[in-house]
C-alpha atoms as a PDB file:
ATOM      1  CA  MET A   1      -3.021 -51.343   4.374  1.00  0.00           C
ATOM      2  CA  LYS A   2      -5.723 -50.469   6.777  1.00  0.00           C
ATOM      3  CA  ASN A   3      -4.927 -51.358  10.393  1.00  0.00           C
ATOM      4  CA  ASP A   4      -2.966 -54.484   9.374  1.00  0.00           C
ATOM      5  CA  GLY A   5      -4.568 -56.566  12.007  1.00  0.00           C
ATOM      6  CA  ILE A   6      -3.802 -54.254  14.959  1.00  0.00           C
ATOM      7  CA  SER A   7      -7.144 -53.322  16.850  1.00  0.00           C
ATOM      8  CA  ALA A   8      -7.565 -49.460  17.625  1.00  0.00           C
ATOM      9  CA  GLY A   9      -7.692 -50.614  21.379  1.00  0.00           C
ATOM     10  CA  ASN A  10      -4.448 -52.302  21.120  1.00  0.00           C
ATOM     11  CA  SER A  11      -2.990 -49.372  19.106  1.00  0.00           C
ATOM     12  CA  GLU A  12      -3.851 -46.759  21.677  1.00  0.00           C
ATOM     13  CA  GLN A  13      -1.940 -48.880  24.413  1.00  0.00           C
ATOM     14  CA  GLN A  14       0.883 -49.222  22.170  1.00  0.00           C
ATOM     15  CA  ILE A  15       1.401 -45.599  20.979  1.00  0.00           C
ATOM     16  CA  LYS A  16       1.919 -42.968  23.551  1.00  0.00           C
ATOM     17  CA  PRO A  17       2.133 -39.135  24.019  1.00  0.00           C
ATOM     18  CA  TYR A  18       5.783 -38.252  22.711  1.00  0.00           C
ATOM     19  CA  LYS A  19       8.840 -38.752  25.135  1.00  0.00           C
ATOM     20  CA  LYS A  20      12.263 -37.753  23.730  1.00  0.00           C
ATOM     21  CA  ASP A  21      13.525 -41.344  24.588  1.00  0.00           C
ATOM     22  CA  ALA A  22      11.062 -42.932  22.908  1.00  0.00           C
ATOM     23  CA  ALA A  23      12.087 -44.643  19.365  1.00  0.00           C
ATOM     24  CA  TYR A  24       9.110 -42.842  17.369  1.00  0.00           C
ATOM     25  CA  SER A  25       7.738 -39.410  17.310  1.00  0.00           C
ATOM     26  CA  TYR A  26       4.866 -37.771  15.074  1.00  0.00           C
ATOM     27  CA  THR A  27       3.968 -35.819  12.691  1.00  0.00           C
ATOM     28  CA  LEU A  28       0.959 -33.476  13.713  1.00  0.00           C
ATOM     29  CA  GLY A  29      -1.167 -32.495  10.685  1.00  0.00           C
ATOM     30  CA  ALA A  30      -2.000 -33.176   7.209  1.00  0.00           C
ATOM     31  CA  PHE A  31       0.939 -31.239   5.542  1.00  0.00           C
ATOM     32  CA  PRO A  32       3.985 -32.510   7.486  1.00  0.00           C
ATOM     33  CA  THR A  33       2.220 -35.831   7.379  1.00  0.00           C
ATOM     34  CA  TYR A  34       2.514 -35.891   3.302  1.00  0.00           C
ATOM     35  CA  GLU A  35       5.860 -34.594   3.545  1.00  0.00           C
ATOM     36  CA  LEU A  36       6.918 -37.505   5.545  1.00  0.00           C
ATOM     37  CA  ILE A  37       5.202 -40.074   3.486  1.00  0.00           C
ATOM     38  CA  LYS A  38       6.744 -38.602   0.400  1.00  0.00           C
ATOM     39  CA  SER A  39      10.325 -38.301   1.486  1.00  0.00           C
ATOM     40  CA  ARG A  40      10.856 -40.725   4.089  1.00  0.00           C
ATOM     41  CA  PRO A  41       8.023 -43.485   3.612  1.00  0.00           C
ATOM     42  CA  GLU A  42      10.386 -46.366   5.034  1.00  0.00           C
ATOM     43  CA  GLN A  43      10.344 -44.794   8.197  1.00  0.00           C
ATOM     44  CA  VAL A  44       6.483 -44.450   8.892  1.00  0.00           C
ATOM     45  CA  ARG A  45       4.742 -46.979  11.252  1.00  0.00           C
ATOM     46  CA  LYS A  46       1.170 -45.550  10.828  1.00  0.00           C
ATOM     47  CA  VAL A  47      -0.799 -42.702   9.860  1.00  0.00           C
ATOM     48  CA  LEU A  48      -3.761 -41.870  11.922  1.00  0.00           C
ATOM     49  CA  ILE A  49      -6.821 -40.175  10.540  1.00  0.00           C
ATOM     50  CA  ASP A  50      -9.601 -38.510  11.867  1.00  0.00           C
ATOM     51  CA  THR A  51     -13.130 -39.354  10.285  1.00  0.00           C
ATOM     52  CA  SER A  52     -13.640 -35.925   9.534  1.00  0.00           C
ATOM     53  CA  PHE A  53     -10.675 -35.110   7.493  1.00  0.00           C
ATOM     54  CA  THR A  54     -11.816 -33.939   4.100  1.00  0.00           C
ATOM     55  CA  ASP A  55      -9.092 -35.236   2.023  1.00  0.00           C
ATOM     56  CA  ARG A  56      -9.093 -38.618   3.544  1.00  0.00           C
ATOM     57  CA  ASP A  57      -9.299 -40.259   0.062  1.00  0.00           C
ATOM     58  CA  HIS A  58      -6.225 -38.927  -1.215  1.00  0.00           C
ATOM     59  CA  LEU A  59      -4.347 -39.633   2.118  1.00  0.00           C
ATOM     60  CA  GLN A  60      -5.526 -43.278   2.080  1.00  0.00           C
ATOM     61  CA  SER A  61      -4.470 -43.967  -1.593  1.00  0.00           C
ATOM     62  CA  LEU A  62      -1.051 -42.296  -0.712  1.00  0.00           C
ATOM     63  CA  CYS A  63      -0.453 -44.866   2.179  1.00  0.00           C
ATOM     64  CA  GLU A  64      -1.739 -47.854   0.183  1.00  0.00           C
ATOM     65  CA  GLU A  65       0.712 -46.860  -2.718  1.00  0.00           C
ATOM     66  CA  ASN A  66       3.551 -47.015  -0.041  1.00  0.00           C
ATOM     67  CA  HIS A  67       2.417 -49.776   1.710  1.00  0.00           C
ATOM     68  CA  ILE A  68       1.780 -47.739   5.018  1.00  0.00           C
ATOM     69  CA  GLN A  69      -0.652 -48.789   7.604  1.00  0.00           C
ATOM     70  CA  TYR A  70      -3.644 -46.101   8.351  1.00  0.00           C
ATOM     71  CA  GLU A  71      -6.054 -46.129  10.783  1.00  0.00           C
ATOM     72  CA  TYR A  72      -9.182 -44.210  11.323  1.00  0.00           C
ATOM     73  CA  ASN A  73      -8.865 -43.150  15.076  1.00  0.00           C
ATOM     74  CA  ASN A  74     -10.280 -39.725  16.364  1.00  0.00           C
ATOM     75  CA  LYS A  75      -9.368 -40.426  19.920  1.00  0.00           C
ATOM     76  CA  LEU A  76      -5.928 -41.385  19.302  1.00  0.00           C
ATOM     77  CA  ILE A  77      -5.152 -38.355  17.411  1.00  0.00           C
ATOM     78  CA  ALA A  78      -6.631 -36.320  20.242  1.00  0.00           C
ATOM     79  CA  LYS A  79      -4.506 -38.162  22.725  1.00  0.00           C
ATOM     80  CA  ILE A  80      -0.971 -37.497  21.071  1.00  0.00           C
ATOM     81  CA  SER A  81      -1.727 -33.849  19.730  1.00  0.00           C
ATOM     82  CA  ASP A  82      -1.009 -30.948  21.834  1.00  0.00           C
ATOM     83  CA  LYS A  83      -3.285 -28.749  19.449  1.00  0.00           C
ATOM     84  CA  GLU A  84      -6.930 -28.450  18.277  1.00  0.00           C
ATOM     85  CA  ASN A  85      -8.113 -29.016  14.827  1.00  0.00           C
ATOM     86  CA  CYS A  86      -5.424 -31.764  14.201  1.00  0.00           C
ATOM     87  CA  TYR A  87      -7.023 -34.276  11.510  1.00  0.00           C
ATOM     88  CA  VAL A  88      -3.969 -36.405  10.542  1.00  0.00           C
ATOM     89  CA  ALA A  89      -0.970 -37.548  12.708  1.00  0.00           C
ATOM     90  CA  GLY A  90       1.821 -39.721  11.324  1.00  0.00           C
ATOM     91  CA  VAL A  91       3.660 -42.165  13.480  1.00  0.00           C
ATOM     92  CA  PHE A  92       7.288 -42.536  12.331  1.00  0.00           C
ATOM     93  CA  ASP A  93      10.603 -44.240  13.530  1.00  0.00           C
ATOM     94  CA  LYS A  94      13.566 -41.779  14.474  1.00  0.00           C
ATOM     95  CA  TYR A  95      16.304 -42.650  12.375  1.00  0.00           C
ATOM     96  CA  SER A  96      19.859 -41.116  12.089  1.00  0.00           C
ATOM     97  CA  CYS A  97      21.801 -39.470   8.855  1.00  0.00           C
ATOM     98  CA  ARG A  98      25.185 -38.724   7.909  1.00  0.00           C
ATOM     99  CA  LEU A  99      26.328 -35.210   6.638  1.00  0.00           C
ATOM    100  CA  LYS A 100      27.711 -35.278   3.059  1.00  0.00           C
ATOM    101  CA  ALA A 101      31.168 -33.896   2.713  1.00  0.00           C
ATOM    102  CA  ASP A 102      30.845 -32.561  -0.592  1.00  0.00           C
ATOM    103  CA  ARG A 103      28.159 -30.150   0.307  1.00  0.00           C
ATOM    104  CA  PRO A 104      27.721 -26.749   2.264  1.00  0.00           C
ATOM    105  CA  HIS A 105      26.693 -27.387   5.871  1.00  0.00           C
ATOM    106  CA  ILE A 106      24.482 -25.380   8.653  1.00  0.00           C
ATOM    107  CA  VAL A 107      26.018 -25.589  11.950  1.00  0.00           C
ATOM    108  CA  LEU A 108      23.815 -24.814  14.863  1.00  0.00           C
ATOM    109  CA  VAL A 109      25.454 -24.550  18.101  1.00  0.00           C
ATOM    110  CA  ASN A 110      23.373 -25.439  21.114  1.00  0.00           C
ATOM    111  CA  PRO A 111      19.886 -24.302  19.587  1.00  0.00           C
ATOM    112  CA  SER A 112      17.567 -24.359  22.619  1.00  0.00           C
ATOM    113  CA  ASN A 113      14.009 -23.355  20.913  1.00  0.00           C
ATOM    114  CA  MET A 114      12.232 -26.012  19.184  1.00  0.00           C
ATOM    115  CA  GLY A 115      10.084 -23.571  17.043  1.00  0.00           C
ATOM    116  CA  ASN A 116      12.991 -21.725  16.234  1.00  0.00           C
ATOM    117  CA  LEU A 117      14.790 -25.065  15.285  1.00  0.00           C
ATOM    118  CA  GLY A 118      12.092 -25.971  13.143  1.00  0.00           C
ATOM    119  CA  THR A 119      11.938 -22.810  11.379  1.00  0.00           C
ATOM    120  CA  ILE A 120      15.788 -22.818  10.573  1.00  0.00           C
ATOM    121  CA  LEU A 121      15.142 -26.243   8.959  1.00  0.00           C
ATOM    122  CA  ARG A 122      12.464 -25.209   6.543  1.00  0.00           C
ATOM    123  CA  THR A 123      14.711 -22.226   5.662  1.00  0.00           C
ATOM    124  CA  ALA A 124      17.352 -24.379   5.015  1.00  0.00           C
ATOM    125  CA  VAL A 125      15.813 -26.540   2.601  1.00  0.00           C
ATOM    126  CA  GLY A 126      14.357 -23.317   1.067  1.00  0.00           C
ATOM    127  CA  PHE A 127      17.658 -22.087   0.222  1.00  0.00           C
ATOM    128  CA  GLY A 128      18.841 -25.319  -1.062  1.00  0.00           C
ATOM    129  CA  ILE A 129      21.172 -26.298   2.221  1.00  0.00           C
ATOM    130  CA  TYR A 130      20.461 -29.759   2.966  1.00  0.00           C
ATOM    131  CA  ASP A 131      23.060 -30.846   5.496  1.00  0.00           C
ATOM    132  CA  ILE A 132      22.467 -29.705   9.244  1.00  0.00           C
ATOM    133  CA  ALA A 133      24.698 -30.369  12.000  1.00  0.00           C
ATOM    134  CA  ILE A 134      23.821 -29.870  15.435  1.00  0.00           C
ATOM    135  CA  ILE A 135      26.308 -29.279  18.507  1.00  0.00           C
ATOM    136  CA  LEU A 136      24.807 -30.702  21.881  1.00  0.00           C
ATOM    137  CA  PRO A 137      23.114 -30.073  23.974  1.00  0.00           C
ATOM    138  CA  GLY A 138      20.301 -28.939  21.774  1.00  0.00           C
ATOM    139  CA  ALA A 139      16.743 -28.955  21.301  1.00  0.00           C
ATOM    140  CA  ASP A 140      15.090 -32.017  20.329  1.00  0.00           C
ATOM    141  CA  ILE A 141      14.784 -32.196  16.332  1.00  0.00           C
ATOM    142  CA  TYR A 142      12.039 -35.094  16.810  1.00  0.00           C
ATOM    143  CA  ASN A 143       9.899 -33.517  19.109  1.00  0.00           C
ATOM    144  CA  PRO A 144       6.640 -32.916  17.343  1.00  0.00           C
ATOM    145  CA  LYS A 145       6.993 -29.156  17.897  1.00  0.00           C
ATOM    146  CA  THR A 146      10.182 -29.230  15.851  1.00  0.00           C
ATOM    147  CA  VAL A 147       8.776 -31.341  13.210  1.00  0.00           C
ATOM    148  CA  ARG A 148       5.443 -28.915  12.776  1.00  0.00           C
ATOM    149  CA  SER A 149       7.434 -25.875  12.811  1.00  0.00           C
ATOM    150  CA  SER A 150       9.722 -27.328  10.122  1.00  0.00           C
ATOM    151  CA  MET A 151       6.357 -27.894   8.167  1.00  0.00           C
ATOM    152  CA  GLY A 152       8.095 -31.343   7.370  1.00  0.00           C
ATOM    153  CA  ALA A 153      11.399 -29.791   5.950  1.00  0.00           C
ATOM    154  CA  LEU A 154      12.915 -32.275   8.492  1.00  0.00           C
ATOM    155  CA  PHE A 155      12.593 -35.105   6.344  1.00  0.00           C
ATOM    156  CA  LYS A 156      14.324 -33.743   3.241  1.00  0.00           C
ATOM    157  CA  LEU A 157      17.485 -32.955   5.360  1.00  0.00           C
ATOM    158  CA  ASN A 158      20.783 -34.968   6.699  1.00  0.00           C
ATOM    159  CA  ILE A 159      20.789 -33.712  10.286  1.00  0.00           C
ATOM    160  CA  CYS A 160      23.658 -35.135  12.397  1.00  0.00           C
ATOM    161  CA  LEU A 161      24.350 -34.523  16.450  1.00  0.00           C
ATOM    162  CA  PHE A 162      27.794 -34.072  17.584  1.00  0.00           C
ATOM    163  CA  GLU A 163      29.157 -33.828  21.288  1.00  0.00           C
ATOM    164  CA  SER A 164      31.081 -30.865  20.384  1.00  0.00           C
ATOM    165  CA  PHE A 165      32.199 -28.518  17.575  1.00  0.00           C
ATOM    166  CA  ALA A 166      35.955 -29.763  17.670  1.00  0.00           C
ATOM    167  CA  GLU A 167      34.023 -33.142  16.732  1.00  0.00           C
ATOM    168  CA  TYR A 168      32.587 -31.775  13.878  1.00  0.00           C
ATOM    169  CA  ARG A 169      35.309 -30.103  12.788  1.00  0.00           C
ATOM    170  CA  GLN A 170      37.623 -33.130  12.715  1.00  0.00           C
ATOM    171  CA  GLN A 171      35.051 -34.981  10.453  1.00  0.00           C
ATOM    172  CA  PHE A 172      34.826 -31.860   8.072  1.00  0.00           C
ATOM    173  CA  THR A 173      38.414 -30.442   7.589  1.00  0.00           C
ATOM    174  CA  HIS A 174      38.109 -29.199   3.719  1.00  0.00           C
ATOM    175  CA  HIS A 175      34.849 -27.204   4.756  1.00  0.00           C
ATOM    176  CA  GLU A 176      35.621 -23.447   5.270  1.00  0.00           C
ATOM    177  CA  ILE A 177      34.177 -22.200   8.524  1.00  0.00           C
ATOM    178  CA  TYR A 178      32.113 -18.852   8.734  1.00  0.00           C
ATOM    179  CA  THR A 179      31.094 -18.142  12.126  1.00  0.00           C
ATOM    180  CA  PHE A 180      28.212 -15.514  12.683  1.00  0.00           C
ATOM    181  CA  MET A 181      28.798 -13.293  15.502  1.00  0.00           C
ATOM    182  CA  LEU A 182      28.035  -9.757  16.589  1.00  0.00           C
ATOM    183  CA  ASN A 183      31.695  -9.002  16.940  1.00  0.00           C
ATOM    184  CA  GLY A 184      32.686 -10.491  13.596  1.00  0.00           C
ATOM    185  CA  VAL A 185      35.562  -8.879  11.725  1.00  0.00           C
ATOM    186  CA  ASN A 186      34.111  -9.214   8.253  1.00  0.00           C
ATOM    187  CA  THR A 187      30.629  -7.460   7.470  1.00  0.00           C
ATOM    188  CA  LEU A 188      28.490  -9.690   4.990  1.00  0.00           C
ATOM    189  CA  THR A 189      27.215  -8.510   1.821  1.00  0.00           C
ATOM    190  CA  ILE A 190      26.336  -9.828  -1.712  1.00  0.00           C
ATOM    191  CA  GLN A 191      29.374  -7.882  -3.045  1.00  0.00           C
ATOM    192  CA  GLU A 192      31.772  -9.430  -0.473  1.00  0.00           C
ATOM    193  CA  CYS A 193      30.784 -12.905   0.339  1.00  0.00           C
ATOM    194  CA  PRO A 194      33.324 -15.474   0.041  1.00  0.00           C
ATOM    195  CA  LYS A 195      33.094 -17.609  -3.117  1.00  0.00           C
ATOM    196  CA  THR A 196      33.853 -21.267  -2.145  1.00  0.00           C
ATOM    197  CA  GLU A 197      32.236 -24.520  -2.828  1.00  0.00           C
ATOM    198  CA  LEU A 198      32.488 -25.884   0.599  1.00  0.00           C
ATOM    199  CA  TYR A 199      31.429 -24.067   3.475  1.00  0.00           C
ATOM    200  CA  SER A 200      29.931 -24.213   6.923  1.00  0.00           C
ATOM    201  CA  LEU A 201      28.100 -21.541   8.437  1.00  0.00           C
ATOM    202  CA  VAL A 202      28.086 -21.580  12.045  1.00  0.00           C
ATOM    203  CA  PHE A 203      25.507 -19.984  14.606  1.00  0.00           C
ATOM    204  CA  GLY A 204      25.152 -19.731  18.229  1.00  0.00           C
ATOM    205  CA  ASN A 205      22.119 -20.263  19.934  1.00  0.00           C
ATOM    206  CA  GLU A 206      19.121 -17.795  20.945  1.00  0.00           C
ATOM    207  CA  ALA A 207      20.406 -16.282  23.932  1.00  0.00           C
ATOM    208  CA  THR A 208      24.059 -16.229  24.049  1.00  0.00           C
ATOM    209  CA  GLY A 209      25.247 -16.998  20.369  1.00  0.00           C
ATOM    210  CA  LEU A 210      28.809 -17.989  19.998  1.00  0.00           C
ATOM    211  CA  ASP A 211      31.345 -17.430  22.653  1.00  0.00           C
ATOM    212  CA  ALA A 212      34.742 -15.264  21.907  1.00  0.00           C
ATOM    213  CA  SER A 213      36.787 -18.534  21.209  1.00  0.00           C
ATOM    214  CA  PHE A 214      34.878 -18.947  17.614  1.00  0.00           C
ATOM    215  CA  LEU A 215      36.583 -15.805  16.699  1.00  0.00           C
ATOM    216  CA  GLU A 216      39.423 -17.813  16.258  1.00  0.00           C
ATOM    217  CA  VAL A 217      37.784 -20.486  14.337  1.00  0.00           C
ATOM    218  CA  GLY A 218      37.613 -19.792  10.513  1.00  0.00           C
ATOM    219  CA  THR A 219      36.117 -16.436   9.302  1.00  0.00           C
ATOM    220  CA  SER A 220      34.039 -14.540  11.597  1.00  0.00           C
ATOM    221  CA  ILE A 221      31.205 -12.736  10.037  1.00  0.00           C
ATOM    222  CA  PHE A 222      28.864  -9.791  11.150  1.00  0.00           C
ATOM    223  CA  ILE A 223      25.561  -9.443   9.480  1.00  0.00           C
ATOM    224  CA  PRO A 224      25.049  -5.206   9.417  1.00  0.00           C
ATOM    225  CA  GLN A 225      21.970  -4.175  11.175  1.00  0.00           C
ATOM    226  CA  SER A 226      20.511  -0.962  12.750  1.00  0.00           C
ATOM    227  CA  PRO A 227      21.986   0.046  16.267  1.00  0.00           C
ATOM    228  CA  GLU A 228      18.323   0.520  17.483  1.00  0.00           C
ATOM    229  CA  VAL A 229      18.246  -3.544  18.075  1.00  0.00           C
ATOM    230  CA  ASP A 230      21.134  -5.618  19.831  1.00  0.00           C
ATOM    231  CA  SER A 231      20.836  -8.182  17.785  1.00  0.00           C
ATOM    232  CA  LEU A 232      18.798 -10.336  15.099  1.00  0.00           C
ATOM    233  CA  ASN A 233      16.859 -13.160  15.597  1.00  0.00           C
ATOM    234  CA  LEU A 234      18.478 -16.467  14.964  1.00  0.00           C
ATOM    235  CA  THR A 235      15.951 -17.771  12.565  1.00  0.00           C
ATOM    236  CA  ILE A 236      16.329 -14.455  10.656  1.00  0.00           C
ATOM    237  CA  ALA A 237      20.118 -14.475  10.877  1.00  0.00           C
ATOM    238  CA  VAL A 238      20.387 -18.140   9.477  1.00  0.00           C
ATOM    239  CA  GLY A 239      17.958 -17.136   6.563  1.00  0.00           C
ATOM    240  CA  ILE A 240      20.151 -13.888   5.614  1.00  0.00           C
ATOM    241  CA  GLY A 241      23.369 -16.010   5.922  1.00  0.00           C
ATOM    242  CA  ALA A 242      22.014 -18.983   3.966  1.00  0.00           C
ATOM    243  CA  TYR A 243      20.429 -16.562   0.972  1.00  0.00           C
ATOM    244  CA  VAL A 244      23.751 -14.624   0.746  1.00  0.00           C
ATOM    245  CA  PHE A 245      26.090 -17.783   0.456  1.00  0.00           C
ATOM    246  CA  THR A 246      23.512 -19.937  -1.712  1.00  0.00           C
ATOM    247  CA  THR A 247      23.339 -16.665  -4.092  1.00  0.00           C
ATOM    248  CA  VAL A 248      26.982 -15.999  -4.586  1.00  0.00           C
ATOM    249  CA  ASN A 249      27.754 -19.603  -4.621  1.00  0.00           C
ATOM    250  CA  LYS A 250      25.049 -20.878  -7.083  1.00  0.00           C
ATOM    251  CA  SER A 251      27.150 -23.289  -9.180  1.00  0.00           C
ATOM    252  CA  ILE A 252      27.050 -25.628  -5.988  1.00  0.00           C
ATOM    253  CA  ASN A 253      25.111 -28.848  -6.797  1.00  0.00           C
ATOM    254  CA  HIS A 254      22.534 -28.674  -3.643  1.00  0.00           C
ATOM    255  CA  SER A 255      20.611 -31.932  -4.685  1.00  0.00           C
ATOM    256  CA  ILE A 256      19.873 -33.997  -1.972  1.00  0.00           C
END
């Protein structure tokens, strides 16, 4: 559905560089745009294509199959993109989700870095965890930097924002809580990982981790590491935790 009666000039006036309070955001690059179309076609406003994009026929066909408007507009892509060599951009409406109560969750308390957040979202999908709770304040899940670092995994997830951990806990009382902390009481190993169908893996932010009050919440977990470093990177910690728990609890149905 090319252009759908909207001229390139009007399009450039309507679509502006990303703002957090805007109702829409972008995928910058071909791969995340393909993931957006495949996973959330109903949210796509328009796909912008650079005239030099080599796979444009395939992308155009995919847009037409999903009744998505597309437009060849090099100038507008350059306007909204913060990186060079961006040949495709998807414009999509932000949307809200609900977490599924019968599946495991990853809970991120005040994540502050958009790149790390996007990588964590990609890691979660990689290990088959599709429900993410974010305790505010936190990095913007719809910022194009987050979307790009997730490589489109964002669109395969249910992500829900909560004002506090207490609010999250009140909604999911049947989940076993596991807080990942440097002073955690229980050391995480494959052999001793808890076997449970419903669990929430809770992680603090990059700078401060979880405060001491989380020692009283559920079961605290420590990932063994060399004393040569003070802590693991947040994305690595989430990856290790998700891998161990999903490996031990393989019987859980993680399908979205």
